[in-house]
Protein backbone atom coordinates (compact mmCIF):
# COMPACT_ATOMS: atom_id res chain seq x y z
CA MET A 1 37.73 -3.34 -1.02
CA ASN A 2 38.03 -7.03 -0.27
CA ASP A 3 36.01 -8.94 -2.88
CA THR A 4 36.36 -12.17 -0.91
CA ALA A 5 34.43 -10.82 2.08
CA PRO A 6 31.04 -12.48 2.47
CA PRO A 7 28.07 -10.30 1.54
CA LEU A 8 26.10 -8.79 4.41
CA ASP A 9 22.74 -10.33 5.14
CA LEU A 10 19.78 -7.97 4.96
CA THR A 11 19.69 -7.22 8.68
CA GLY A 12 23.47 -6.69 8.67
CA GLY A 13 23.13 -4.33 5.71
CA ILE A 14 20.47 -2.28 7.51
CA LEU A 15 22.69 -2.04 10.58
CA HIS A 16 25.69 -1.10 8.43
CA ILE A 17 23.86 1.79 6.74
CA ALA A 18 22.41 2.97 10.07
CA ALA A 19 25.87 2.91 11.64
CA GLN A 20 27.19 5.15 8.84
CA ALA A 21 24.68 7.91 9.57
CA GLN A 22 26.18 10.92 11.29
CA HIS A 23 23.30 13.39 10.89
CA GLU A 24 20.26 11.92 9.21
CA LEU A 25 18.62 8.59 8.56
CA ALA A 26 15.53 8.02 6.43
CA ILE A 27 13.68 4.71 6.43
CA PHE A 28 10.90 3.83 3.99
CA SER A 29 9.35 0.50 4.92
CA SER A 30 6.20 -1.48 4.54
CA VAL A 31 5.78 -2.68 8.13
CA LEU A 32 9.13 -2.19 9.90
CA GLU A 33 9.60 -5.93 10.23
CA PRO A 34 10.57 -6.53 13.88
CA ARG A 35 13.27 -9.06 12.94
CA ARG A 36 14.93 -6.42 10.75
CA TYR A 37 14.00 -3.07 12.30
CA GLY A 38 13.14 -4.07 15.85
CA THR A 39 16.57 -5.21 16.95
CA VAL A 40 18.31 -3.85 20.00
CA GLY A 41 21.32 -3.00 17.83
CA LEU A 42 19.32 -0.80 15.45
CA HIS A 43 17.44 0.82 18.32
CA ASP A 44 20.72 1.70 20.02
CA LEU A 45 22.24 3.10 16.81
CA LEU A 46 19.20 5.29 16.11
CA ARG A 47 18.97 6.45 19.71
CA ALA A 48 22.64 7.47 19.67
CA LEU A 49 22.17 9.25 16.34
CA ALA A 50 19.07 11.11 17.54
CA LEU A 51 20.68 12.22 20.79
CA GLY A 52 24.07 12.98 19.24
CA HIS A 53 23.22 16.53 18.14
CA ALA A 54 20.17 18.79 18.19
CA ARG A 55 20.02 18.82 14.37
CA ASN A 56 20.24 15.06 13.91
CA ARG A 57 17.05 13.32 12.87
CA VAL A 58 15.54 10.00 12.02
CA ARG A 59 12.48 9.88 9.79
CA ILE A 60 10.51 6.71 9.24
CA LEU A 61 7.78 6.37 6.64
CA VAL A 62 5.63 3.22 6.76
CA ARG A 63 3.08 1.95 4.27
CA GLU A 64 1.04 -0.18 6.68
CA PRO A 65 1.15 1.55 10.08
CA GLN A 66 -1.61 -0.61 11.56
CA ARG A 67 0.54 -3.71 11.00
CA VAL A 68 3.56 -2.14 12.71
CA LEU A 69 1.84 -2.44 16.08
CA ALA A 70 -0.01 -5.69 15.35
CA ASP A 71 2.53 -7.78 17.26
CA GLY A 72 2.79 -5.39 20.20
CA ALA A 73 5.37 -2.74 21.04
CA HIS A 74 8.03 -1.96 18.44
CA ARG A 75 11.39 -0.56 19.57
CA LEU A 76 11.48 2.16 16.90
CA VAL A 77 7.93 3.27 17.64
CA GLU A 78 8.79 3.51 21.32
CA LEU A 79 11.92 5.50 20.44
CA ALA A 80 9.82 7.93 18.38
CA ARG A 81 7.44 8.30 21.30
CA LEU A 82 10.30 9.10 23.68
CA ILE A 83 12.22 11.48 21.39
CA PRO A 84 9.53 12.93 19.07
CA SER A 85 11.57 16.02 18.22
CA ARG A 86 14.29 13.88 16.63
CA VAL A 87 12.60 10.61 15.62
CA SER A 88 9.43 10.88 13.54
CA ILE A 89 7.13 8.29 12.00
CA ARG A 90 4.51 8.95 9.35
CA ALA A 91 2.11 6.81 7.38
CA ALA A 92 2.63 6.76 3.62
CA THR A 93 -0.15 8.07 1.42
CA ALA A 94 -0.75 7.68 -2.33
CA PRO A 95 1.28 6.95 -4.40
CA ALA A 96 3.90 5.81 -1.86
CA ASP A 97 1.45 3.49 -0.10
CA SER A 98 1.37 1.18 -3.11
CA LEU A 99 5.12 0.85 -3.77
CA ARG A 100 6.77 -2.51 -3.16
CA GLU A 101 10.31 -1.25 -2.57
CA GLU A 102 11.90 -0.27 0.72
CA TRP A 103 15.03 1.63 1.55
CA ILE A 104 17.18 3.08 4.29
CA LEU A 105 19.26 6.18 3.55
CA ALA A 106 22.15 7.63 5.54
CA ASP A 107 23.46 11.19 5.22
CA ARG A 108 22.89 11.64 1.50
CA SER A 109 25.67 9.18 0.81
CA ALA A 110 24.69 5.59 1.59
CA PHE A 111 21.66 3.41 0.99
CA LEU A 112 20.19 -0.05 1.13
CA LEU A 113 17.38 -0.70 -1.33
CA ARG A 114 15.04 -3.68 -1.34
CA PRO A 115 13.30 -3.71 -4.74
CA ASN A 116 10.59 -5.96 -3.31
CA ALA A 117 9.75 -5.71 0.39
CA GLY A 118 8.85 -9.40 0.46
CA ASP A 119 12.30 -10.53 -0.64
CA ASP A 120 15.60 -10.54 1.17
CA ALA A 121 17.42 -9.38 -1.97
CA ALA A 122 18.81 -5.88 -1.57
CA VAL A 123 21.24 -3.45 -3.15
CA HIS A 124 23.66 -2.12 -0.54
CA ARG A 125 25.76 0.92 -1.46
CA PRO A 126 27.77 2.40 1.42
CA ASP A 127 29.17 5.17 -0.82
CA ASP A 128 26.84 6.27 -3.63
CA PRO A 129 25.80 9.90 -3.12
CA GLY A 130 24.20 10.16 -6.58
CA ARG A 131 21.71 7.33 -6.16
CA THR A 132 21.18 8.21 -2.51
CA ALA A 133 20.23 11.76 -3.54
CA GLU A 134 17.66 10.37 -6.00
CA LEU A 135 16.10 8.15 -3.34
CA LEU A 136 16.18 10.96 -0.79
CA SER A 137 14.37 13.28 -3.19
CA GLN A 138 11.68 10.65 -3.62
CA PHE A 139 11.54 10.13 0.15
CA GLU A 140 11.18 13.89 0.74
CA THR A 141 8.15 14.00 -1.56
CA TYR A 142 6.54 11.02 0.14
CA TRP A 143 7.38 12.42 3.57
CA ALA A 144 5.77 15.78 2.77
CA HIS A 145 2.54 13.99 1.84
CA GLY A 146 2.73 11.44 4.65
CA ALA A 147 0.12 11.41 7.38
CA THR A 148 0.67 11.58 11.09
CA CYS A 149 -0.48 8.32 12.60
CA ARG A 150 -1.76 8.84 16.13
CA GLU A 151 -1.29 5.18 17.08
CA LEU A 152 2.41 5.38 16.24
CA SER A 153 3.10 8.69 17.94
CA ALA A 154 0.89 8.67 21.03
CA LEU A 155 2.89 8.28 24.21
CA ARG A 156 1.51 5.52 26.38
CA ILE A 157 1.20 6.70 29.95
């Protein structure tokens, strides 16, 4: 590894983790900030992942679903509406709805963790299956208790 390479910015780190995913991506976010999660690049990566194989999936858990749509259409919400069998969004319920951290997990091996959703500081580990497994276990629990949010899943016709 080249230690002189500049660190990735937060958006670059999110894209890097998403690009690593071959089968599964899990996102736990407060509001899916459009400047971070609403980029064309991320949309295209997740679309390609979702359509790459019938077993591939993208799961997105948000703490404040009403704020996700506050600024209008969101690319990831639209993607979930178009490919609901492979891209799913749920609203976090207690205790996940009160956490401040956010993360994105790829294939049980890579993660990006923001300890505080309001900060740009993040831990980016492209090859850490142990910590990724811990975060994925936590995500699975939150996902199982998450609520379907009609506003995020309803197809606009």
